[in-house]
N, C-alpha and C. Protein backbone atom coordinates (compact mmCIF):
# COMPACT_ATOMS: atom_id res chain seq x y z
N UNK A 1 0.84 -1.18 0.00
CA UNK A 1 0.00 0.00 0.00
C UNK A 1 0.88 1.23 0.00
N UNK A 2 0.35 2.33 -0.49
CA UNK A 2 1.06 3.59 -0.52
C UNK A 2 0.33 4.55 0.42
N UNK A 3 1.10 5.19 1.31
CA UNK A 3 0.55 6.16 2.25
C UNK A 3 1.02 7.54 1.80
N UNK A 4 0.06 8.47 1.69
CA UNK A 4 0.39 9.85 1.32
C UNK A 4 -0.39 10.80 2.22
N UNK A 5 0.31 11.39 3.18
CA UNK A 5 -0.24 12.46 4.02
C UNK A 5 -1.66 12.17 4.52
N UNK A 6 -1.85 11.00 5.10
CA UNK A 6 -3.15 10.65 5.67
C UNK A 6 -4.01 9.77 4.79
N UNK A 7 -3.63 9.58 3.54
CA UNK A 7 -4.40 8.71 2.64
C UNK A 7 -3.70 7.37 2.52
N UNK A 8 -4.49 6.29 2.66
CA UNK A 8 -3.97 4.94 2.48
C UNK A 8 -4.50 4.39 1.16
N UNK A 9 -3.60 4.15 0.23
CA UNK A 9 -3.96 3.67 -1.10
C UNK A 9 -3.47 2.23 -1.21
N UNK A 10 -4.41 1.30 -1.07
CA UNK A 10 -4.06 -0.11 -0.98
C UNK A 10 -4.22 -0.84 -2.31
N UNK A 11 -3.37 -1.85 -2.47
CA UNK A 11 -3.41 -2.71 -3.65
C UNK A 11 -3.26 -4.15 -3.18
N UNK A 12 -4.11 -5.02 -3.70
CA UNK A 12 -4.05 -6.43 -3.34
C UNK A 12 -3.14 -7.16 -4.33
N UNK A 13 -2.22 -7.93 -3.78
CA UNK A 13 -1.33 -8.76 -4.58
C UNK A 13 -1.57 -10.20 -4.14
N UNK A 14 -2.13 -11.02 -5.01
CA UNK A 14 -2.42 -12.41 -4.64
C UNK A 14 -1.19 -13.27 -4.90
N UNK A 15 -0.20 -13.12 -4.02
CA UNK A 15 1.08 -13.79 -4.22
C UNK A 15 0.99 -15.30 -4.00
N UNK A 16 -0.03 -15.77 -3.30
CA UNK A 16 -0.13 -17.20 -3.01
C UNK A 16 -0.80 -17.98 -4.13
N UNK A 17 -1.21 -17.31 -5.15
CA UNK A 17 -1.90 -17.96 -6.27
C UNK A 17 -0.95 -18.82 -7.10
N UNK A 18 0.31 -18.42 -7.16
CA UNK A 18 1.30 -19.13 -7.98
C UNK A 18 2.46 -19.60 -7.11
N UNK A 19 2.96 -20.78 -7.38
CA UNK A 19 4.08 -21.33 -6.61
C UNK A 19 5.30 -20.42 -6.68
N UNK A 20 5.53 -19.83 -7.83
CA UNK A 20 6.71 -18.98 -8.04
C UNK A 20 6.74 -17.79 -7.09
N UNK A 21 5.57 -17.28 -6.72
CA UNK A 21 5.52 -16.05 -5.92
C UNK A 21 5.11 -16.26 -4.47
N UNK A 22 5.04 -17.50 -4.00
CA UNK A 22 4.55 -17.74 -2.64
C UNK A 22 5.46 -17.16 -1.56
N UNK A 23 6.77 -17.17 -1.77
CA UNK A 23 7.69 -16.62 -0.77
C UNK A 23 8.02 -15.16 -1.03
N UNK A 24 8.01 -14.74 -2.27
CA UNK A 24 8.36 -13.36 -2.63
C UNK A 24 7.56 -12.98 -3.87
N UNK A 25 6.61 -12.07 -3.71
CA UNK A 25 5.73 -11.71 -4.83
C UNK A 25 6.51 -11.15 -6.02
N UNK A 26 7.68 -10.59 -5.76
CA UNK A 26 8.47 -10.01 -6.85
C UNK A 26 8.94 -11.06 -7.84
N UNK A 27 9.06 -12.31 -7.38
CA UNK A 27 9.46 -13.41 -8.28
C UNK A 27 8.40 -13.64 -9.34
N UNK A 28 7.16 -13.33 -9.03
CA UNK A 28 6.07 -13.51 -9.98
C UNK A 28 5.53 -12.21 -10.53
N UNK A 29 6.38 -11.21 -10.57
CA UNK A 29 5.95 -9.87 -10.98
C UNK A 29 5.18 -9.86 -12.30
N UNK A 30 5.57 -10.73 -13.21
CA UNK A 30 4.93 -10.75 -14.53
C UNK A 30 3.64 -11.57 -14.56
N UNK A 31 3.35 -12.31 -13.48
CA UNK A 31 2.17 -13.17 -13.53
C UNK A 31 1.13 -12.87 -12.45
N UNK A 32 1.54 -12.26 -11.33
CA UNK A 32 0.55 -11.98 -10.27
C UNK A 32 -0.27 -10.75 -10.63
N UNK A 33 -1.47 -10.71 -10.10
CA UNK A 33 -2.37 -9.58 -10.34
C UNK A 33 -2.22 -8.56 -9.21
N UNK A 34 -2.32 -7.30 -9.56
CA UNK A 34 -2.30 -6.19 -8.62
C UNK A 34 -3.63 -5.47 -8.79
N UNK A 35 -4.43 -5.45 -7.73
CA UNK A 35 -5.78 -4.91 -7.81
C UNK A 35 -5.96 -3.83 -6.74
N UNK A 36 -6.41 -2.63 -7.13
CA UNK A 36 -6.71 -1.61 -6.13
C UNK A 36 -7.77 -2.11 -5.16
N UNK A 37 -7.61 -1.80 -3.88
CA UNK A 37 -8.55 -2.23 -2.87
C UNK A 37 -8.60 -1.18 -1.77
N UNK A 38 -9.37 -1.42 -0.75
CA UNK A 38 -9.42 -0.50 0.40
C UNK A 38 -9.07 -1.27 1.67
N UNK A 39 -8.57 -0.55 2.64
CA UNK A 39 -8.26 -1.12 3.94
C UNK A 39 -9.42 -0.85 4.90
N UNK A 40 -9.60 -1.72 5.87
CA UNK A 40 -10.59 -1.39 6.92
C UNK A 40 -10.19 -0.07 7.59
N UNK A 41 -11.17 0.73 7.98
CA UNK A 41 -10.89 2.03 8.60
C UNK A 41 -9.97 1.92 9.80
N UNK A 42 -10.16 0.89 10.62
CA UNK A 42 -9.32 0.73 11.82
C UNK A 42 -7.85 0.56 11.44
N UNK A 43 -7.59 -0.18 10.37
CA UNK A 43 -6.21 -0.40 9.91
C UNK A 43 -5.65 0.89 9.32
N UNK A 44 -6.43 1.57 8.49
CA UNK A 44 -5.99 2.83 7.91
C UNK A 44 -5.68 3.85 9.00
N UNK A 45 -6.48 3.89 10.05
CA UNK A 45 -6.24 4.82 11.17
C UNK A 45 -4.95 4.47 11.90
N UNK A 46 -4.69 3.19 12.11
CA UNK A 46 -3.45 2.78 12.77
C UNK A 46 -2.23 3.14 11.93
N UNK A 47 -2.35 2.95 10.62
CA UNK A 47 -1.24 3.31 9.73
C UNK A 47 -1.01 4.81 9.77
N UNK A 48 -2.08 5.58 9.76
CA UNK A 48 -1.95 7.04 9.83
C UNK A 48 -1.25 7.45 11.13
N UNK A 49 -1.66 6.86 12.24
CA UNK A 49 -1.01 7.17 13.53
C UNK A 49 0.46 6.78 13.51
N UNK A 50 0.76 5.62 12.95
CA UNK A 50 2.14 5.13 12.86
C UNK A 50 3.00 6.09 12.04
N UNK A 51 2.51 6.48 10.87
CA UNK A 51 3.29 7.36 9.99
C UNK A 51 3.49 8.72 10.64
N UNK A 52 2.46 9.25 11.28
CA UNK A 52 2.59 10.54 11.97
C UNK A 52 3.60 10.45 13.12
N UNK A 53 3.58 9.32 13.84
CA UNK A 53 4.50 9.17 14.97
C UNK A 53 5.96 9.15 14.50
N UNK A 54 6.18 8.71 13.26
CA UNK A 54 7.53 8.70 12.69
C UNK A 54 7.85 10.00 11.96
N UNK A 55 6.85 10.86 11.79
CA UNK A 55 7.04 12.11 11.07
C UNK A 55 7.17 11.90 9.57
N UNK A 56 6.56 10.83 9.06
CA UNK A 56 6.66 10.53 7.63
C UNK A 56 5.45 11.05 6.87
N UNK A 57 5.72 11.74 5.79
CA UNK A 57 4.69 12.29 4.91
C UNK A 57 4.17 11.21 3.96
N UNK A 58 5.05 10.30 3.54
CA UNK A 58 4.69 9.28 2.56
C UNK A 58 5.55 8.04 2.76
N UNK A 59 5.06 6.94 2.24
CA UNK A 59 5.82 5.70 2.28
C UNK A 59 5.04 4.57 1.63
N UNK A 60 5.76 3.54 1.26
CA UNK A 60 5.14 2.32 0.74
C UNK A 60 5.23 1.28 1.85
N UNK A 61 4.10 0.74 2.24
CA UNK A 61 4.05 -0.21 3.34
C UNK A 61 3.69 -1.59 2.82
N UNK A 62 4.33 -2.59 3.39
CA UNK A 62 4.03 -3.97 3.04
C UNK A 62 3.22 -4.59 4.16
N UNK A 63 2.08 -5.16 3.80
CA UNK A 63 1.19 -5.82 4.74
C UNK A 63 0.88 -7.23 4.21
N UNK A 64 0.58 -8.13 5.12
CA UNK A 64 0.12 -9.46 4.74
C UNK A 64 -1.28 -9.62 5.30
N UNK A 65 -2.19 -10.10 4.47
CA UNK A 65 -3.55 -10.41 4.92
C UNK A 65 -3.70 -11.93 4.87
N UNK A 66 -3.89 -12.52 6.03
CA UNK A 66 -4.08 -13.97 6.12
C UNK A 66 -5.48 -14.34 5.63
N UNK A 67 -5.69 -15.61 5.30
CA UNK A 67 -6.99 -16.08 4.85
C UNK A 67 -8.09 -15.77 5.86
N UNK A 68 -7.75 -15.77 7.14
CA UNK A 68 -8.74 -15.50 8.19
C UNK A 68 -9.05 -14.01 8.32
N UNK A 69 -8.32 -13.16 7.56
CA UNK A 69 -8.57 -11.73 7.59
C UNK A 69 -7.62 -10.94 8.48
N UNK A 70 -6.79 -11.62 9.26
CA UNK A 70 -5.82 -10.92 10.09
C UNK A 70 -4.81 -10.21 9.21
N UNK A 71 -4.44 -8.97 9.61
CA UNK A 71 -3.51 -8.16 8.83
C UNK A 71 -2.24 -7.97 9.63
N UNK A 72 -1.11 -8.23 8.99
CA UNK A 72 0.20 -8.10 9.62
C UNK A 72 1.02 -7.05 8.88
N UNK A 73 1.64 -6.17 9.64
CA UNK A 73 2.53 -5.14 9.11
C UNK A 73 3.93 -5.71 8.99
N UNK A 74 4.58 -5.52 7.83
CA UNK A 74 5.95 -6.00 7.64
C UNK A 74 6.96 -4.86 7.71
N UNK A 75 6.74 -3.82 6.90
CA UNK A 75 7.73 -2.74 6.84
C UNK A 75 7.15 -1.52 6.16
N UNK A 76 7.86 -0.40 6.34
CA UNK A 76 7.55 0.84 5.65
C UNK A 76 8.80 1.30 4.92
N UNK A 77 8.68 1.50 3.64
CA UNK A 77 9.78 2.02 2.83
C UNK A 77 9.47 3.48 2.52
N UNK A 78 10.22 4.38 3.13
CA UNK A 78 9.95 5.80 2.95
C UNK A 78 10.10 6.22 1.49
N UNK A 79 11.02 5.62 0.80
CA UNK A 79 11.25 5.94 -0.61
C UNK A 79 10.73 4.84 -1.53
N UNK A 80 9.71 4.11 -1.09
CA UNK A 80 9.21 2.98 -1.86
C UNK A 80 8.67 3.38 -3.22
N UNK A 81 8.89 2.51 -4.19
CA UNK A 81 8.42 2.74 -5.57
C UNK A 81 6.90 2.57 -5.62
N UNK A 82 6.25 3.42 -6.38
CA UNK A 82 4.80 3.33 -6.52
C UNK A 82 4.33 3.66 -7.93
N UNK A 83 5.20 4.13 -8.79
CA UNK A 83 4.79 4.55 -10.13
C UNK A 83 4.08 3.47 -10.92
N UNK A 84 4.56 2.25 -10.81
CA UNK A 84 3.94 1.15 -11.55
C UNK A 84 2.54 0.84 -11.02
N UNK A 85 2.29 1.08 -9.73
CA UNK A 85 0.94 0.91 -9.19
C UNK A 85 0.02 2.02 -9.67
N UNK A 86 0.55 3.21 -9.81
CA UNK A 86 -0.22 4.36 -10.27
C UNK A 86 -0.79 4.09 -11.67
N UNK A 87 -0.01 3.43 -12.49
CA UNK A 87 -0.47 3.09 -13.84
C UNK A 87 -1.66 2.14 -13.81
N UNK A 88 -1.75 1.32 -12.78
CA UNK A 88 -2.85 0.35 -12.66
C UNK A 88 -4.14 0.98 -12.17
N UNK A 89 -4.05 2.16 -11.61
CA UNK A 89 -5.20 2.77 -10.96
C UNK A 89 -5.47 4.19 -11.44
N UNK A 90 -5.20 4.43 -12.70
CA UNK A 90 -5.55 5.69 -13.34
C UNK A 90 -5.01 6.93 -12.61
N UNK A 91 -3.78 6.82 -12.09
CA UNK A 91 -3.14 7.98 -11.48
C UNK A 91 -3.58 8.32 -10.08
N UNK A 92 -4.19 7.39 -9.37
CA UNK A 92 -4.72 7.67 -8.02
C UNK A 92 -3.62 8.11 -7.06
N UNK A 93 -2.43 7.49 -7.15
CA UNK A 93 -1.34 7.85 -6.23
C UNK A 93 -0.81 9.24 -6.57
N UNK A 94 -0.63 9.52 -7.84
CA UNK A 94 -0.15 10.84 -8.26
C UNK A 94 -1.12 11.92 -7.79
N UNK A 95 -2.41 11.68 -7.93
CA UNK A 95 -3.40 12.66 -7.49
C UNK A 95 -3.34 12.86 -5.97
N UNK A 96 -3.08 11.80 -5.22
CA UNK A 96 -2.96 11.92 -3.77
C UNK A 96 -1.76 12.80 -3.41
N UNK A 97 -0.63 12.60 -4.10
CA UNK A 97 0.53 13.45 -3.85
C UNK A 97 0.23 14.90 -4.22
N UNK A 98 -0.45 15.11 -5.34
CA UNK A 98 -0.78 16.48 -5.76
C UNK A 98 -1.67 17.16 -4.72
N UNK A 99 -2.71 16.46 -4.23
CA UNK A 99 -3.58 17.03 -3.20
C UNK A 99 -2.78 17.38 -1.94
N UNK A 100 -1.89 16.48 -1.54
CA UNK A 100 -1.10 16.72 -0.33
C UNK A 100 -0.18 17.91 -0.49
N UNK A 101 0.48 18.04 -1.65
CA UNK A 101 1.38 19.17 -1.87
C UNK A 101 0.60 20.48 -1.91
N UNK A 102 -0.57 20.47 -2.53
CA UNK A 102 -1.40 21.68 -2.57
C UNK A 102 -1.83 22.06 -1.15
N UNK A 103 -2.28 21.07 -0.38
CA UNK A 103 -2.72 21.32 1.00
C UNK A 103 -1.59 21.91 1.83
N UNK A 104 -0.40 21.34 1.69
CA UNK A 104 0.75 21.84 2.46
C UNK A 104 1.18 23.23 1.97
N UNK A 105 1.10 23.47 0.69
CA UNK A 105 1.44 24.81 0.16
C UNK A 105 0.47 25.85 0.68
N UNK A 106 -0.81 25.53 0.68
CA UNK A 106 -1.81 26.46 1.19
C UNK A 106 -1.62 26.70 2.68
N UNK A 107 -1.26 25.66 3.42
CA UNK A 107 -1.03 25.83 4.85
C UNK A 107 0.14 26.77 5.10
N UNK A 108 1.17 26.69 4.28
CA UNK A 108 2.31 27.59 4.43
C UNK A 108 1.92 29.03 4.15
N UNK A 109 1.11 29.25 3.14
CA UNK A 109 0.72 30.62 2.81
C UNK A 109 -0.24 31.18 3.85
N UNK A 110 -0.92 30.33 4.59
CA UNK A 110 -1.84 30.78 5.63
C UNK A 110 -1.16 31.00 6.98
N UNK A 111 0.14 30.81 7.06
CA UNK A 111 0.86 31.01 8.31
C UNK A 111 1.29 32.46 8.49
N UNK A 112 0.78 33.34 7.66
CA UNK A 112 1.14 34.74 7.76
C UNK A 112 2.34 35.10 6.91
N UNK A 113 2.87 34.13 6.19
CA UNK A 113 3.99 34.42 5.31
C UNK A 113 3.46 35.07 4.03
N UNK A 114 4.26 35.89 3.45
CA UNK A 114 3.88 36.49 2.18
C UNK A 114 4.07 35.46 1.09
N UNK A 115 3.01 35.14 0.37
CA UNK A 115 3.17 34.13 -0.68
C UNK A 115 4.12 34.63 -1.76
N UNK A 116 4.78 33.69 -2.38
CA UNK A 116 5.68 34.03 -3.48
C UNK A 116 4.86 34.59 -4.63
N UNK A 117 5.42 35.55 -5.38
CA UNK A 117 4.67 36.11 -6.51
C UNK A 117 4.37 35.03 -7.54
N UNK A 118 3.22 35.15 -8.15
CA UNK A 118 2.83 34.19 -9.18
C UNK A 118 3.37 34.66 -10.53
N UNK A 119 3.80 33.74 -11.33
CA UNK A 119 4.34 34.04 -12.65
C UNK A 119 3.58 33.23 -13.69
N UNK A 120 3.44 33.83 -14.84
CA UNK A 120 2.75 33.15 -15.92
C UNK A 120 3.60 32.03 -16.50
N UNK A 121 4.88 32.22 -16.57
CA UNK A 121 5.75 31.21 -17.17
C UNK A 121 6.98 30.99 -16.30
N UNK A 122 7.64 29.88 -16.51
CA UNK A 122 8.89 29.60 -15.79
C UNK A 122 9.94 30.65 -16.15
N UNK A 123 9.91 31.14 -17.39
CA UNK A 123 10.88 32.15 -17.83
C UNK A 123 10.72 33.43 -17.00
N UNK A 124 9.46 33.86 -16.77
CA UNK A 124 9.23 35.05 -15.95
C UNK A 124 9.71 34.83 -14.52
N UNK A 125 9.52 33.64 -14.00
CA UNK A 125 9.98 33.34 -12.65
C UNK A 125 11.49 33.43 -12.56
N UNK A 126 12.19 32.93 -13.58
CA UNK A 126 13.66 32.98 -13.58
C UNK A 126 14.15 34.41 -13.66
N UNK A 127 13.50 35.22 -14.49
CA UNK A 127 13.91 36.61 -14.61
C UNK A 127 13.75 37.37 -13.30
N UNK A 128 12.66 37.10 -12.58
CA UNK A 128 12.40 37.78 -11.33
C UNK A 128 13.37 37.34 -10.24
N UNK A 129 13.70 36.05 -10.22
CA UNK A 129 14.57 35.54 -9.16
C UNK A 129 16.04 35.83 -9.43
N UNK A 130 16.41 36.15 -10.66
CA UNK A 130 17.80 36.44 -11.02
C UNK A 130 17.89 37.81 -11.71
N UNK A 131 17.63 38.89 -10.98
CA UNK A 131 17.68 40.21 -11.64
C UNK A 131 19.09 40.53 -12.10
N UNK A 132 19.20 41.27 -13.20
CA UNK A 132 20.54 41.64 -13.69
C UNK A 132 21.28 42.49 -12.68
N UNK A 133 22.59 42.34 -12.63
CA UNK A 133 23.41 43.08 -11.66
C UNK A 133 23.62 44.51 -12.09
């Protein structure tokens, strides 16, 4: 699953479906299915608390769901790859990052700081930030 600033974006990987991937799903990367799913609210809340306690804005977390429904946490990769999952879910992860960055940018401008001037183009921004001597 991918965590982004309070959002838990889960994907189901049925690694036990094939013998090749039973111990490590990456061994069956070309044959296992990756399906977007949702986590129970209680689990998503625990993950949110965990990530906040570590001061992490984002991360890729590995979980195991047993046949009986029990969920086990394995690890959190702060720099975990997620781009290939984003392709499977019509950009859901990218949109979560965009929402989080916008929210954090707006929070900074609401702290009483003077917002940076807006520019129509990157060229105008460069000219303003590097005035001639």
